[in-house]
Structure formats: structure tokens, C-alpha cells
Amino acid sequence: MRVLLLDDEVATGRALARVIRHLGVEEIVLATSADVALAAADRGPFDVVISDFTMPGMDGIDFLSEITRRRPDTRRFMITGNPEDPKVVAGLGSGIAAAVLEKPAEMEAVRRMLGIAQESTRP
């Protein structure tokens, strides 16, 4: 499974990447800006894209909307410290994100998220 992780907070992104790697995912690309993440997505498909919501420039919903446009088969998830933000709720309701994880994400929540992604990619 290939995972693209976007979080402008380097330490937070690295911590989540460690959790994901601990769960058996070997290929994780960590980006700290939407531009870098979009460029990575353009170079090759990812099974899962996880994006922080609050970032400079382009927020996570706008980023995941662009991923949806470029790579519609990619499973998309949001991670945020404010899951009740109206834009996050709307993004979840519209299908932009398959699920929203609250920061700090616990390993079991990340495991469930990756399970959702794996189930959706099986024939």
C-alpha cells in the first residue's frame, strides 16, 4: 500500500508516519505543503492520501478536492485537531474524505482507517 501523508507540522507528520509504518505500510511519502503533495500525486498513484486540515495556503479539504479531481480512485482521509469545523464536516458529508481522524490520532484509529482503505481496494 502506498500512502501520501500531508501535514505542515513536520513533527506531527513524522509521528503519524511512524504509526502507519508500525502497522505494516512500507511506502509512505511525507509532504509538508500541498504543492509538494500534489506534485508527488502527479508522479504516481497512491492508495491512500491523508491530509491535515489546517495548513497555510490550501486547507486539507481543498487539497483533498484536488486529489479527487486528479486521482479519483485514491482513498482520502482527513486528520485534524478540530473535527467539528463546518468545512471538515461538509467535506466528510460530500465524500471528499472517507473519514476524519482527530489529532492526536491513536494507533487503533489509524489501523481502522487503513482497514477501510484496504477493503475498498480489494476486487
PDB file of N, CA and C in Angstrom:
ATOM      1  N   MET A   1       0.844  -1.175   0.000  1.00  0.00           N
ATOM      2  CA  MET A   1       0.000   0.000   0.000  1.00  0.00           C
ATOM      3  C   MET A   1       0.894   1.245   0.000  1.00  0.00           C
ATOM      4  N   ARG A   2       0.570   2.175  -0.878  1.00  0.00           N
ATOM      5  CA  ARG A   2       1.294   3.455  -0.942  1.00  0.00           C
ATOM      6  C   ARG A   2       0.462   4.530  -0.257  1.00  0.00           C
ATOM      7  N   VAL A   3       1.085   5.271   0.667  1.00  0.00           N
ATOM      8  CA  VAL A   3       0.397   6.303   1.435  1.00  0.00           C
ATOM      9  C   VAL A   3       1.104   7.636   1.233  1.00  0.00           C
ATOM     10  N   LEU A   4       0.319   8.662   0.915  1.00  0.00           N
ATOM     11  CA  LEU A   4       0.797  10.045   0.860  1.00  0.00           C
ATOM     12  C   LEU A   4       0.223  10.754   2.064  1.00  0.00           C
ATOM     13  N   LEU A   5       1.094  11.324   2.879  1.00  0.00           N
ATOM     14  CA  LEU A   5       0.711  11.983   4.112  1.00  0.00           C
ATOM     15  C   LEU A   5       1.099  13.456   4.020  1.00  0.00           C
ATOM     16  N   LEU A   6       0.131  14.338   4.216  1.00  0.00           N
ATOM     17  CA  LEU A   6       0.368  15.782   4.156  1.00  0.00           C
ATOM     18  C   LEU A   6       0.084  16.401   5.506  1.00  0.00           C
ATOM     19  N   ASP A   7       1.107  17.000   6.100  1.00  0.00           N
ATOM     20  CA  ASP A   7       0.965  17.752   7.347  1.00  0.00           C
ATOM     21  C   ASP A   7       2.067  18.800   7.379  1.00  0.00           C
ATOM     22  N   ASP A   8       1.685  20.056   7.554  1.00  0.00           N
ATOM     23  CA  ASP A   8       2.680  21.125   7.563  1.00  0.00           C
ATOM     24  C   ASP A   8       3.504  21.132   8.841  1.00  0.00           C
ATOM     25  N   GLU A   9       3.061  20.435   9.866  1.00  0.00           N
ATOM     26  CA  GLU A   9       3.835  20.307  11.102  1.00  0.00           C
ATOM     27  C   GLU A   9       4.715  19.062  10.976  1.00  0.00           C
ATOM     28  N   VAL A  10       5.993  19.270  10.765  1.00  0.00           N
ATOM     29  CA  VAL A  10       6.912  18.166  10.468  1.00  0.00           C
ATOM     30  C   VAL A  10       6.883  17.104  11.556  1.00  0.00           C
ATOM     31  N   ALA A  11       6.951  17.505  12.810  1.00  0.00           N
ATOM     32  CA  ALA A  11       6.984  16.521  13.901  1.00  0.00           C
ATOM     33  C   ALA A  11       5.706  15.694  13.943  1.00  0.00           C
ATOM     34  N   THR A  12       4.572  16.319  13.721  1.00  0.00           N
ATOM     35  CA  THR A  12       3.292  15.609  13.718  1.00  0.00           C
ATOM     36  C   THR A  12       3.230  14.627  12.555  1.00  0.00           C
ATOM     37  N   GLY A  13       3.660  15.064  11.384  1.00  0.00           N
ATOM     38  CA  GLY A  13       3.676  14.190  10.217  1.00  0.00           C
ATOM     39  C   GLY A  13       4.586  12.996  10.415  1.00  0.00           C
ATOM     40  N   ARG A  14       5.755  13.234  10.976  1.00  0.00           N
ATOM     41  CA  ARG A  14       6.690  12.125  11.219  1.00  0.00           C
ATOM     42  C   ARG A  14       6.128  11.136  12.233  1.00  0.00           C
ATOM     43  N   ALA A  15       5.463  11.648  13.264  1.00  0.00           N
ATOM     44  CA  ALA A  15       4.877  10.768  14.276  1.00  0.00           C
ATOM     45  C   ALA A  15       3.791   9.885  13.655  1.00  0.00           C
ATOM     46  N   LEU A  16       2.934  10.479  12.836  1.00  0.00           N
ATOM     47  CA  LEU A  16       1.887   9.699  12.182  1.00  0.00           C
ATOM     48  C   LEU A  16       2.487   8.699  11.197  1.00  0.00           C
ATOM     49  N   ALA A  17       3.523   9.102  10.492  1.00  0.00           N
ATOM     50  CA  ALA A  17       4.196   8.184   9.562  1.00  0.00           C
ATOM     51  C   ALA A  17       4.770   6.981  10.315  1.00  0.00           C
ATOM     52  N   ARG A  18       5.309   7.200  11.514  1.00  0.00           N
ATOM     53  CA  ARG A  18       5.835   6.079  12.322  1.00  0.00           C
ATOM     54  C   ARG A  18       4.714   5.114  12.701  1.00  0.00           C
ATOM     55  N   VAL A  19       3.558   5.671  13.072  1.00  0.00           N
ATOM     56  CA  VAL A  19       2.414   4.820  13.421  1.00  0.00           C
ATOM     57  C   VAL A  19       1.993   3.995  12.207  1.00  0.00           C
ATOM     58  N   ILE A  20       1.900   4.639  11.059  1.00  0.00           N
ATOM     59  CA  ILE A  20       1.481   3.950   9.831  1.00  0.00           C
ATOM     60  C   ILE A  20       2.495   2.868   9.457  1.00  0.00           C
ATOM     61  N   ARG A  21       3.764   3.188   9.559  1.00  0.00           N
ATOM     62  CA  ARG A  21       4.806   2.204   9.250  1.00  0.00           C
ATOM     63  C   ARG A  21       4.734   1.029  10.225  1.00  0.00           C
ATOM     64  N   HIS A  22       4.479   1.313  11.491  1.00  0.00           N
ATOM     65  CA  HIS A  22       4.360   0.267  12.509  1.00  0.00           C
ATOM     66  C   HIS A  22       3.205  -0.683  12.177  1.00  0.00           C
ATOM     67  N   LEU A  23       2.203  -0.180  11.469  1.00  0.00           N
ATOM     68  CA  LEU A  23       1.056  -1.001  11.085  1.00  0.00           C
ATOM     69  C   LEU A  23       1.304  -1.790   9.801  1.00  0.00           C
ATOM     70  N   GLY A  24       2.531  -1.736   9.291  1.00  0.00           N
ATOM     71  CA  GLY A  24       2.900  -2.576   8.166  1.00  0.00           C
ATOM     72  C   GLY A  24       2.950  -1.906   6.810  1.00  0.00           C
ATOM     73  N   VAL A  25       2.692  -0.614   6.754  1.00  0.00           N
ATOM     74  CA  VAL A  25       2.784   0.098   5.476  1.00  0.00           C
ATOM     75  C   VAL A  25       4.246   0.456   5.252  1.00  0.00           C
ATOM     76  N   GLU A  26       4.784   0.016   4.137  1.00  0.00           N
ATOM     77  CA  GLU A  26       6.204   0.238   3.880  1.00  0.00           C
ATOM     78  C   GLU A  26       6.482   1.506   3.093  1.00  0.00           C
ATOM     79  N   GLU A  27       5.560   1.922   2.214  1.00  0.00           N
ATOM     80  CA  GLU A  27       5.828   3.082   1.375  1.00  0.00           C
ATOM     81  C   GLU A  27       4.962   4.263   1.803  1.00  0.00           C
ATOM     82  N   ILE A  28       5.618   5.238   2.429  1.00  0.00           N
ATOM     83  CA  ILE A  28       4.946   6.443   2.904  1.00  0.00           C
ATOM     84  C   ILE A  28       5.724   7.639   2.384  1.00  0.00           C
ATOM     85  N   VAL A  29       5.023   8.544   1.739  1.00  0.00           N
ATOM     86  CA  VAL A  29       5.628   9.803   1.309  1.00  0.00           C
ATOM     87  C   VAL A  29       5.052  10.890   2.200  1.00  0.00           C
ATOM     88  N   LEU A  30       5.922  11.615   2.882  1.00  0.00           N
ATOM     89  CA  LEU A  30       5.509  12.680   3.783  1.00  0.00           C
ATOM     90  C   LEU A  30       5.783  14.019   3.122  1.00  0.00           C
ATOM     91  N   ALA A  31       4.740  14.846   2.984  1.00  0.00           N
ATOM     92  CA  ALA A  31       4.865  16.179   2.398  1.00  0.00           C
ATOM     93  C   ALA A  31       4.454  17.205   3.438  1.00  0.00           C
ATOM     94  N   THR A  32       5.083  18.381   3.385  1.00  0.00           N
ATOM     95  CA  THR A  32       4.770  19.442   4.344  1.00  0.00           C
ATOM     96  C   THR A  32       4.032  20.610   3.708  1.00  0.00           C
ATOM     97  N   SER A  33       3.722  20.499   2.410  1.00  0.00           N
ATOM     98  CA  SER A  33       2.915  21.529   1.753  1.00  0.00           C
ATOM     99  C   SER A  33       2.050  20.866   0.684  1.00  0.00           C
ATOM    100  N   ALA A  34       0.927  21.510   0.385  1.00  0.00           N
ATOM    101  CA  ALA A  34       0.017  20.972  -0.621  1.00  0.00           C
ATOM    102  C   ALA A  34       0.695  20.893  -1.985  1.00  0.00           C
ATOM    103  N   ASP A  35       1.498  21.883  -2.326  1.00  0.00           N
ATOM    104  CA  ASP A  35       2.180  21.865  -3.623  1.00  0.00           C
ATOM    105  C   ASP A  35       3.080  20.641  -3.771  1.00  0.00           C
ATOM    106  N   VAL A  36       3.842  20.349  -2.737  1.00  0.00           N
ATOM    107  CA  VAL A  36       4.738  19.188  -2.774  1.00  0.00           C
ATOM    108  C   VAL A  36       3.919  17.895  -2.842  1.00  0.00           C
ATOM    109  N   ALA A  37       2.834  17.822  -2.084  1.00  0.00           N
ATOM    110  CA  ALA A  37       1.995  16.626  -2.091  1.00  0.00           C
ATOM    111  C   ALA A  37       1.324  16.422  -3.446  1.00  0.00           C
ATOM    112  N   LEU A  38       0.845  17.495  -4.056  1.00  0.00           N
ATOM    113  CA  LEU A  38       0.218  17.377  -5.378  1.00  0.00           C
ATOM    114  C   LEU A  38       1.230  16.925  -6.423  1.00  0.00           C
ATOM    115  N   ALA A  39       2.447  17.434  -6.326  1.00  0.00           N
ATOM    116  CA  ALA A  39       3.496  17.014  -7.255  1.00  0.00           C
ATOM    117  C   ALA A  39       3.783  15.519  -7.081  1.00  0.00           C
ATOM    118  N   ALA A  40       3.811  15.044  -5.839  1.00  0.00           N
ATOM    119  CA  ALA A  40       4.032  13.614  -5.593  1.00  0.00           C
ATOM    120  C   ALA A  40       2.882  12.790  -6.170  1.00  0.00           C
ATOM    121  N   ALA A  41       1.659  13.256  -5.991  1.00  0.00           N
ATOM    122  CA  ALA A  41       0.491  12.538  -6.525  1.00  0.00           C
ATOM    123  C   ALA A  41       0.520  12.490  -8.046  1.00  0.00           C
ATOM    124  N   ASP A  42       1.042  13.541  -8.672  1.00  0.00           N
ATOM    125  CA  ASP A  42       1.140  13.563 -10.130  1.00  0.00           C
ATOM    126  C   ASP A  42       2.169  12.574 -10.661  1.00  0.00           C
ATOM    127  N   ARG A  43       3.194  12.263  -9.841  1.00  0.00           N
ATOM    128  CA  ARG A  43       4.244  11.338 -10.270  1.00  0.00           C
ATOM    129  C   ARG A  43       3.804   9.885 -10.217  1.00  0.00           C
ATOM    130  N   GLY A  44       2.788   9.599  -9.456  1.00  0.00           N
ATOM    131  CA  GLY A  44       2.334   8.221  -9.377  1.00  0.00           C
ATOM    132  C   GLY A  44       1.182   8.085  -8.418  1.00  0.00           C
ATOM    133  N   PRO A  45       0.343   7.093  -8.611  1.00  0.00           N
ATOM    134  CA  PRO A  45      -0.833   6.964  -7.761  1.00  0.00           C
ATOM    135  C   PRO A  45      -0.488   6.487  -6.350  1.00  0.00           C
ATOM    136  N   PHE A  46      -1.322   6.886  -5.415  1.00  0.00           N
ATOM    137  CA  PHE A  46      -1.257   6.424  -4.029  1.00  0.00           C
ATOM    138  C   PHE A  46      -2.564   5.723  -3.720  1.00  0.00           C
ATOM    139  N   ASP A  47      -2.494   4.705  -2.885  1.00  0.00           N
ATOM    140  CA  ASP A  47      -3.712   4.020  -2.449  1.00  0.00           C
ATOM    141  C   ASP A  47      -4.484   4.887  -1.461  1.00  0.00           C
ATOM    142  N   VAL A  48      -3.738   5.595  -0.625  1.00  0.00           N
ATOM    143  CA  VAL A  48      -4.328   6.389   0.448  1.00  0.00           C
ATOM    144  C   VAL A  48      -3.639   7.750   0.499  1.00  0.00           C
ATOM    145  N   VAL A  49      -4.440   8.791   0.675  1.00  0.00           N
ATOM    146  CA  VAL A  49      -3.919  10.132   0.944  1.00  0.00           C
ATOM    147  C   VAL A  49      -4.539  10.591   2.253  1.00  0.00           C
ATOM    148  N   ILE A  50      -3.687  11.025   3.173  1.00  0.00           N
ATOM    149  CA  ILE A  50      -4.124  11.548   4.467  1.00  0.00           C
ATOM    150  C   ILE A  50      -3.656  12.987   4.538  1.00  0.00           C
ATOM    151  N   SER A  51      -4.577  13.896   4.840  1.00  0.00           N
ATOM    152  CA  SER A  51      -4.225  15.308   4.885  1.00  0.00           C
ATOM    153  C   SER A  51      -4.660  15.948   6.192  1.00  0.00           C
ATOM    154  N   ASP A  52      -3.785  16.767   6.734  1.00  0.00           N
ATOM    155  CA  ASP A  52      -4.150  17.650   7.827  1.00  0.00           C
ATOM    156  C   ASP A  52      -5.166  18.650   7.281  1.00  0.00           C
ATOM    157  N   PHE A  53      -5.996  19.204   8.129  1.00  0.00           N
ATOM    158  CA  PHE A  53      -6.967  20.196   7.670  1.00  0.00           C
ATOM    159  C   PHE A  53      -6.377  21.601   7.658  1.00  0.00           C
ATOM    160  N   THR A  54      -5.816  22.031   8.783  1.00  0.00           N
ATOM    161  CA  THR A  54      -5.355  23.412   8.917  1.00  0.00           C
ATOM    162  C   THR A  54      -3.918  23.537   8.438  1.00  0.00           C
ATOM    163  N   MET A  55      -3.765  24.156   7.271  1.00  0.00           N
ATOM    164  CA  MET A  55      -2.436  24.360   6.691  1.00  0.00           C
ATOM    165  C   MET A  55      -2.401  25.714   6.003  1.00  0.00           C
ATOM    166  N   PRO A  56      -1.223  26.267   5.857  1.00  0.00           N
ATOM    167  CA  PRO A  56      -1.123  27.536   5.125  1.00  0.00           C
ATOM    168  C   PRO A  56      -1.360  27.330   3.632  1.00  0.00           C
ATOM    169  N   GLY A  57      -1.939  28.305   2.986  1.00  0.00           N
ATOM    170  CA  GLY A  57      -2.140  28.244   1.540  1.00  0.00           C
ATOM    171  C   GLY A  57      -3.406  27.521   1.160  1.00  0.00           C
ATOM    172  N   MET A  58      -3.385  26.199   1.194  1.00  0.00           N
ATOM    173  CA  MET A  58      -4.520  25.379   0.792  1.00  0.00           C
ATOM    174  C   MET A  58      -4.894  24.482   1.961  1.00  0.00           C
ATOM    175  N   ASP A  59      -6.143  24.583   2.430  1.00  0.00           N
ATOM    176  CA  ASP A  59      -6.523  23.727   3.556  1.00  0.00           C
ATOM    177  C   ASP A  59      -6.728  22.290   3.075  1.00  0.00           C
ATOM    178  N   GLY A  60      -6.903  21.391   4.022  1.00  0.00           N
ATOM    179  CA  GLY A  60      -6.986  19.975   3.705  1.00  0.00           C
ATOM    180  C   GLY A  60      -8.170  19.597   2.839  1.00  0.00           C
ATOM    181  N   ILE A  61      -9.299  20.252   3.014  1.00  0.00           N
ATOM    182  CA  ILE A  61     -10.470  19.940   2.184  1.00  0.00           C
ATOM    183  C   ILE A  61     -10.208  20.344   0.742  1.00  0.00           C
ATOM    184  N   ASP A  62      -9.657  21.529   0.544  1.00  0.00           N
ATOM    185  CA  ASP A  62      -9.341  21.962  -0.824  1.00  0.00           C
ATOM    186  C   ASP A  62      -8.292  21.035  -1.453  1.00  0.00           C
ATOM    187  N   PHE A  63      -7.306  20.628  -0.654  1.00  0.00           N
ATOM    188  CA  PHE A  63      -6.284  19.707  -1.146  1.00  0.00           C
ATOM    189  C   PHE A  63      -6.915  18.364  -1.547  1.00  0.00           C
ATOM    190  N   LEU A  64      -7.747  17.796  -0.674  1.00  0.00           N
ATOM    191  CA  LEU A  64      -8.371  16.514  -0.988  1.00  0.00           C
ATOM    192  C   LEU A  64      -9.334  16.627  -2.164  1.00  0.00           C
ATOM    193  N   SER A  65      -9.951  17.782  -2.331  1.00  0.00           N
ATOM    194  CA  SER A  65     -10.800  18.004  -3.514  1.00  0.00           C
ATOM    195  C   SER A  65      -9.959  17.936  -4.783  1.00  0.00           C
ATOM    196  N   GLU A  66      -8.778  18.511  -4.739  1.00  0.00           N
ATOM    197  CA  GLU A  66      -7.887  18.470  -5.899  1.00  0.00           C
ATOM    198  C   GLU A  66      -7.385  17.051  -6.145  1.00  0.00           C
ATOM    199  N   ILE A  67      -7.082  16.309  -5.074  1.00  0.00           N
ATOM    200  CA  ILE A  67      -6.694  14.901  -5.222  1.00  0.00           C
ATOM    201  C   ILE A  67      -7.834  14.118  -5.863  1.00  0.00           C
ATOM    202  N   THR A  68      -9.066  14.398  -5.446  1.00  0.00           N
ATOM    203  CA  THR A  68     -10.233  13.731  -6.022  1.00  0.00           C
ATOM    204  C   THR A  68     -10.299  13.978  -7.525  1.00  0.00           C
ATOM    205  N   ARG A  69     -10.040  15.206  -7.925  1.00  0.00           N
ATOM    206  CA  ARG A  69     -10.075  15.548  -9.342  1.00  0.00           C
ATOM    207  C   ARG A  69      -8.971  14.834 -10.115  1.00  0.00           C
ATOM    208  N   ARG A  70      -7.757  14.805  -9.543  1.00  0.00           N
ATOM    209  CA  ARG A  70      -6.605  14.228 -10.249  1.00  0.00           C
ATOM    210  C   ARG A  70      -6.537  12.703 -10.151  1.00  0.00           C
ATOM    211  N   ARG A  71      -6.917  12.172  -9.006  1.00  0.00           N
ATOM    212  CA  ARG A  71      -6.794  10.731  -8.733  1.00  0.00           C
ATOM    213  C   ARG A  71      -8.076  10.232  -8.050  1.00  0.00           C
ATOM    214  N   PRO A  72      -9.170  10.129  -8.793  1.00  0.00           N
ATOM    215  CA  PRO A  72     -10.465   9.815  -8.167  1.00  0.00           C
ATOM    216  C   PRO A  72     -10.532   8.464  -7.452  1.00  0.00           C
ATOM    217  N   ASP A  73      -9.659   7.521  -7.779  1.00  0.00           N
ATOM    218  CA  ASP A  73      -9.704   6.206  -7.138  1.00  0.00           C
ATOM    219  C   ASP A  73      -8.933   6.141  -5.821  1.00  0.00           C
ATOM    220  N   THR A  74      -8.270   7.212  -5.452  1.00  0.00           N
ATOM    221  CA  THR A  74      -7.489   7.241  -4.221  1.00  0.00           C
ATOM    222  C   THR A  74      -8.411   7.418  -3.018  1.00  0.00           C
ATOM    223  N   ARG A  75      -8.184   6.629  -1.971  1.00  0.00           N
ATOM    224  CA  ARG A  75      -8.949   6.790  -0.725  1.00  0.00           C
ATOM    225  C   ARG A  75      -8.374   7.985   0.013  1.00  0.00           C
ATOM    226  N   ARG A  76      -9.261   8.869   0.476  1.00  0.00           N
ATOM    227  CA  ARG A  76      -8.840  10.125   1.085  1.00  0.00           C
ATOM    228  C   ARG A  76      -9.348  10.232   2.522  1.00  0.00           C
ATOM    229  N   PHE A  77      -8.437  10.671   3.408  1.00  0.00           N
ATOM    230  CA  PHE A  77      -8.764  10.822   4.823  1.00  0.00           C
ATOM    231  C   PHE A  77      -8.252  12.170   5.323  1.00  0.00           C
ATOM    232  N   MET A  78      -8.937  12.691   6.327  1.00  0.00           N
ATOM    233  CA  MET A  78      -8.569  13.968   6.944  1.00  0.00           C
ATOM    234  C   MET A  78      -8.137  13.696   8.377  1.00  0.00           C
ATOM    235  N   ILE A  79      -7.147  14.457   8.826  1.00  0.00           N
ATOM    236  CA  ILE A  79      -6.746  14.418  10.218  1.00  0.00           C
ATOM    237  C   ILE A  79      -6.734  15.862  10.703  1.00  0.00           C
ATOM    238  N   THR A  80      -7.334  16.090  11.867  1.00  0.00           N
ATOM    239  CA  THR A  80      -7.469  17.462  12.339  1.00  0.00           C
ATOM    240  C   THR A  80      -7.636  17.503  13.852  1.00  0.00           C
ATOM    241  N   GLY A  81      -7.263  18.624  14.412  1.00  0.00           N
ATOM    242  CA  GLY A  81      -7.500  18.875  15.823  1.00  0.00           C
ATOM    243  C   GLY A  81      -8.890  19.444  16.064  1.00  0.00           C
ATOM    244  N   ASN A  82      -9.609  19.766  14.981  1.00  0.00           N
ATOM    245  CA  ASN A  82     -10.927  20.385  15.097  1.00  0.00           C
ATOM    246  C   ASN A  82     -11.930  19.676  14.172  1.00  0.00           C
ATOM    247  N   PRO A  83     -12.337  18.452  14.534  1.00  0.00           N
ATOM    248  CA  PRO A  83     -13.207  17.685  13.639  1.00  0.00           C
ATOM    249  C   PRO A  83     -14.615  18.273  13.489  1.00  0.00           C
ATOM    250  N   GLU A  84     -14.999  19.192  14.363  1.00  0.00           N
ATOM    251  CA  GLU A  84     -16.324  19.795  14.250  1.00  0.00           C
ATOM    252  C   GLU A  84     -16.343  21.038  13.371  1.00  0.00           C
ATOM    253  N   ASP A  85     -15.202  21.428  12.821  1.00  0.00           N
ATOM    254  CA  ASP A  85     -15.175  22.589  11.934  1.00  0.00           C
ATOM    255  C   ASP A  85     -16.190  22.347  10.812  1.00  0.00           C
ATOM    256  N   PRO A  86     -17.039  23.345  10.512  1.00  0.00           N
ATOM    257  CA  PRO A  86     -18.075  23.146   9.488  1.00  0.00           C
ATOM    258  C   PRO A  86     -17.534  22.698   8.130  1.00  0.00           C
ATOM    259  N   LYS A  87     -16.365  23.179   7.741  1.00  0.00           N
ATOM    260  CA  LYS A  87     -15.804  22.775   6.453  1.00  0.00           C
ATOM    261  C   LYS A  87     -15.359  21.315   6.481  1.00  0.00           C
ATOM    262  N   VAL A  88     -14.846  20.854   7.605  1.00  0.00           N
ATOM    263  CA  VAL A  88     -14.453  19.445   7.748  1.00  0.00           C
ATOM    264  C   VAL A  88     -15.699  18.565   7.682  1.00  0.00           C
ATOM    265  N   VAL A  89     -16.740  18.947   8.409  1.00  0.00           N
ATOM    266  CA  VAL A  89     -17.986  18.179   8.417  1.00  0.00           C
ATOM    267  C   VAL A  89     -18.573  18.121   7.004  1.00  0.00           C
ATOM    268  N   ALA A  90     -18.570  19.255   6.306  1.00  0.00           N
ATOM    269  CA  ALA A  90     -19.089  19.292   4.935  1.00  0.00           C
ATOM    270  C   ALA A  90     -18.258  18.406   4.013  1.00  0.00           C
ATOM    271  N   GLY A  91     -16.939  18.415   4.173  1.00  0.00           N
ATOM    272  CA  GLY A  91     -16.061  17.579   3.355  1.00  0.00           C
ATOM    273  C   GLY A  91     -16.315  16.099   3.580  1.00  0.00           C
ATOM    274  N   LEU A  92     -16.586  15.733   4.809  1.00  0.00           N
ATOM    275  CA  LEU A  92     -16.905  14.344   5.116  1.00  0.00           C
ATOM    276  C   LEU A  92     -18.256  13.982   4.503  1.00  0.00           C
ATOM    277  N   GLY A  93     -19.226  14.873   4.651  1.00  0.00           N
ATOM    278  CA  GLY A  93     -20.564  14.619   4.118  1.00  0.00           C
ATOM    279  C   GLY A  93     -20.610  14.530   2.603  1.00  0.00           C
ATOM    280  N   SER A  94     -19.716  15.258   1.939  1.00  0.00           N
ATOM    281  CA  SER A  94     -19.710  15.259   0.471  1.00  0.00           C
ATOM    282  C   SER A  94     -18.871  14.132  -0.122  1.00  0.00           C
ATOM    283  N   GLY A  95     -18.173  13.384   0.719  1.00  0.00           N
ATOM    284  CA  GLY A  95     -17.353  12.285   0.231  1.00  0.00           C
ATOM    285  C   GLY A  95     -15.931  12.684  -0.118  1.00  0.00           C
ATOM    286  N   ILE A  96     -15.564  13.945   0.120  1.00  0.00           N
ATOM    287  CA  ILE A  96     -14.177  14.375  -0.134  1.00  0.00           C
ATOM    288  C   ILE A  96     -13.214  13.570   0.732  1.00  0.00           C
ATOM    289  N   ALA A  97     -13.638  13.295   1.973  1.00  0.00           N
ATOM    290  CA  ALA A  97     -12.847  12.462   2.874  1.00  0.00           C
ATOM    291  C   ALA A  97     -13.701  11.271   3.300  1.00  0.00           C
ATOM    292  N   ALA A  98     -13.104  10.081   3.315  1.00  0.00           N
ATOM    293  CA  ALA A  98     -13.829   8.882   3.727  1.00  0.00           C
ATOM    294  C   ALA A  98     -14.044   8.848   5.229  1.00  0.00           C
ATOM    295  N   ALA A  99     -13.136   9.481   5.962  1.00  0.00           N
ATOM    296  CA  ALA A  99     -13.231   9.537   7.413  1.00  0.00           C
ATOM    297  C   ALA A  99     -12.353  10.676   7.903  1.00  0.00           C
ATOM    298  N   VAL A 100     -12.633  11.109   9.118  1.00  0.00           N
ATOM    299  CA  VAL A 100     -11.846  12.163   9.757  1.00  0.00           C
ATOM    300  C   VAL A 100     -11.300  11.609  11.058  1.00  0.00           C
ATOM    301  N   LEU A 101      -9.993  11.720  11.223  1.00  0.00           N
ATOM    302  CA  LEU A 101      -9.345  11.317  12.464  1.00  0.00           C
ATOM    303  C   LEU A 101      -9.021  12.564  13.270  1.00  0.00           C
ATOM    304  N   GLU A 102      -9.218  12.458  14.579  1.00  0.00           N
ATOM    305  CA  GLU A 102      -8.903  13.586  15.444  1.00  0.00           C
ATOM    306  C   GLU A 102      -7.459  13.478  15.921  1.00  0.00           C
ATOM    307  N   LYS A 103      -6.753  14.615  15.887  1.00  0.00           N
ATOM    308  CA  LYS A 103      -5.392  14.668  16.407  1.00  0.00           C
ATOM    309  C   LYS A 103      -5.446  14.735  17.922  1.00  0.00           C
ATOM    310  N   PRO A 104      -4.529  14.120  18.604  1.00  0.00           N
ATOM    311  CA  PRO A 104      -3.548  13.184  18.067  1.00  0.00           C
ATOM    312  C   PRO A 104      -4.221  11.851  17.755  1.00  0.00           C
ATOM    313  N   ALA A 105      -3.901  11.294  16.606  1.00  0.00           N
ATOM    314  CA  ALA A 105      -4.517  10.047  16.167  1.00  0.00           C
ATOM    315  C   ALA A 105      -3.928   8.874  16.937  1.00  0.00           C
ATOM    316  N   GLU A 106      -4.805   8.065  17.485  1.00  0.00           N
ATOM    317  CA  GLU A 106      -4.364   6.870  18.198  1.00  0.00           C
ATOM    318  C   GLU A 106      -4.160   5.738  17.200  1.00  0.00           C
ATOM    319  N   MET A 107      -3.279   4.823  17.555  1.00  0.00           N
ATOM    320  CA  MET A 107      -2.911   3.752  16.638  1.00  0.00           C
ATOM    321  C   MET A 107      -4.141   2.966  16.184  1.00  0.00           C
ATOM    322  N   GLU A 108      -5.076   2.678  17.078  1.00  0.00           N
ATOM    323  CA  GLU A 108      -6.243   1.883  16.695  1.00  0.00           C
ATOM    324  C   GLU A 108      -7.099   2.625  15.673  1.00  0.00           C
ATOM    325  N   ALA A 109      -7.222   3.942  15.793  1.00  0.00           N
ATOM    326  CA  ALA A 109      -7.985   4.725  14.812  1.00  0.00           C
ATOM    327  C   ALA A 109      -7.298   4.692  13.453  1.00  0.00           C
ATOM    328  N   VAL A 110      -5.984   4.785  13.450  1.00  0.00           N
ATOM    329  CA  VAL A 110      -5.232   4.716  12.188  1.00  0.00           C
ATOM    330  C   VAL A 110      -5.372   3.318  11.585  1.00  0.00           C
ATOM    331  N   ARG A 111      -5.337   2.299  12.413  1.00  0.00           N
ATOM    332  CA  ARG A 111      -5.500   0.915  11.941  1.00  0.00           C
ATOM    333  C   ARG A 111      -6.866   0.754  11.264  1.00  0.00           C
ATOM    334  N   ARG A 112      -7.935   1.283  11.879  1.00  0.00           N
ATOM    335  CA  ARG A 112      -9.273   1.201  11.273  1.00  0.00           C
ATOM    336  C   ARG A 112      -9.312   1.936   9.938  1.00  0.00           C
ATOM    337  N   MET A 113      -8.680   3.120   9.885  1.00  0.00           N
ATOM    338  CA  MET A 113      -8.652   3.904   8.648  1.00  0.00           C
ATOM    339  C   MET A 113      -7.963   3.122   7.534  1.00  0.00           C
ATOM    340  N   LEU A 114      -6.827   2.531   7.826  1.00  0.00           N
ATOM    341  CA  LEU A 114      -6.116   1.753   6.806  1.00  0.00           C
ATOM    342  C   LEU A 114      -6.912   0.508   6.421  1.00  0.00           C
ATOM    343  N   GLY A 115      -7.651  -0.051   7.366  1.00  0.00           N
ATOM    344  CA  GLY A 115      -8.517  -1.186   7.049  1.00  0.00           C
ATOM    345  C   GLY A 115      -9.613  -0.798   6.077  1.00  0.00           C
ATOM    346  N   ILE A 116     -10.190   0.387   6.265  1.00  0.00           N
ATOM    347  CA  ILE A 116     -11.194   0.896   5.322  1.00  0.00           C
ATOM    348  C   ILE A 116     -10.580   1.008   3.935  1.00  0.00           C
ATOM    349  N   ALA A 117      -9.375   1.543   3.876  1.00  0.00           N
ATOM    350  CA  ALA A 117      -8.700   1.726   2.582  1.00  0.00           C
ATOM    351  C   ALA A 117      -8.415   0.378   1.935  1.00  0.00           C
ATOM    352  N   GLN A 118      -7.945  -0.596   2.702  1.00  0.00           N
ATOM    353  CA  GLN A 118      -7.635  -1.906   2.126  1.00  0.00           C
ATOM    354  C   GLN A 118      -8.879  -2.610   1.645  1.00  0.00           C
ATOM    355  N   GLU A 119      -9.969  -2.508   2.376  1.00  0.00           N
ATOM    356  CA  GLU A 119     -11.220  -3.134   1.954  1.00  0.00           C
ATOM    357  C   GLU A 119     -11.704  -2.537   0.640  1.00  0.00           C
ATOM    358  N   SER A 120     -11.527  -1.250   0.470  1.00  0.00           N
ATOM    359  CA  SER A 120     -12.042  -0.585  -0.727  1.00  0.00           C
ATOM    360  C   SER A 120     -11.197  -0.870  -1.969  1.00  0.00           C
ATOM    361  N   THR A 121      -9.983  -1.372  -1.784  1.00  0.00           N
ATOM    362  CA  THR A 121      -9.124  -1.643  -2.938  1.00  0.00           C
ATOM    363  C   THR A 121      -9.162  -3.109  -3.361  1.00  0.00           C
ATOM    364  N   ARG A 122      -9.861  -3.940  -2.613  1.00  0.00           N
ATOM    365  CA  ARG A 122      -9.946  -5.374  -2.977  1.00  0.00           C
ATOM    366  C   ARG A 122     -10.964  -5.558  -4.093  1.00  0.00           C
ATOM    367  N   PRO A 123     -10.663  -6.454  -5.031  1.00  0.00           N
ATOM    368  CA  PRO A 123     -11.609  -6.701  -6.154  1.00  0.00           C
ATOM    369  C   PRO A 123     -12.865  -7.394  -5.687  1.00  0.00           C
TER     370      PRO A 123
END
